[in-house]
């Protein structure tokens, strides 16, 4: 087989082109489909009065340690708190930026915060051993028996939710809201939604909650911002919010609609597929070298036969 320079370059072009076409197709971001039956919670922050009953109910159901200050002590609202290994849900108070002496606490916004149970969770994507898993019903569940304590989930979470429990030296664990998953499977409500006296939280199918949220916005245009937080942020979350103030002013970060795993997984796919290009070229070069060596051997044998 005669292999000249032109034929060799044509083969290289075909191999590289095929690899690049495959990369372009594979690099498209792909989100996870949302199950029509996936559940969620709609939080209407305009109804919350900061009573902290949800915190207490969560604490009791999850058998968490008693807080330093009782749940009746509302002085904790004077500073912004984060969920941690002892508190899976917290309520924070956000006052107007320019609060005057005539304003009172009724002008404040109270916001309950917990794991958002993202549709395409960054923590699940970051976990090396599958200790975190997204359930078809919606919750993101943690399996301590699989966890190796790498804490990549803490770094990956755009809401900074997973907390590391340091007090058990032999078996430290990641702690976060479970969405009361074991109770949901028995047909019960999440503890926080069940106990709320102001009906701040509405539990149900996520698709129905989004419809209810849009109805609220359309029928009360002066009461709510025209934005359902969590409908699209980071690919969508199971907990969605309504508010009458910009969400970034009440502790909810401003995030794009792209889910973090879409970016990281796209980079991974592109990296491996682009890596296929040099692999393909090396393979092709190997084939050319093999064919060339065979030709030289054939020519050598032919020359040797002619001399005898």
Foldseek 3Di string as FASTA:
>chain_A
DDDDPVNLVVVLVVLLVVLVVVLVVLLDFDFDDQQQQAKFKEFEQLQDPQQQQLQVLQCVVVVADADPDHSRDSPVQVDDDAAAQRTQKHKHKFADPDDDPPDDSNRITIDIDHDQLARRQQLCLQAPFRQWDADSNRWIHGHQVRDPPPCSSCVRGPLNHWYWAVPPPVRIDTDHDRQVVVVVVVVDHRRSCVPDPRNRMDMGRQVVSVVVVCVVCVVCVQFWDPDWPQCQFLQGTRYIYIGNDPVVSVSDDDGGSHHVVSVVVSVVSSVVSSVVSVVSVVVSVVVVVVVVVVVVVVVVVVVVVVVD
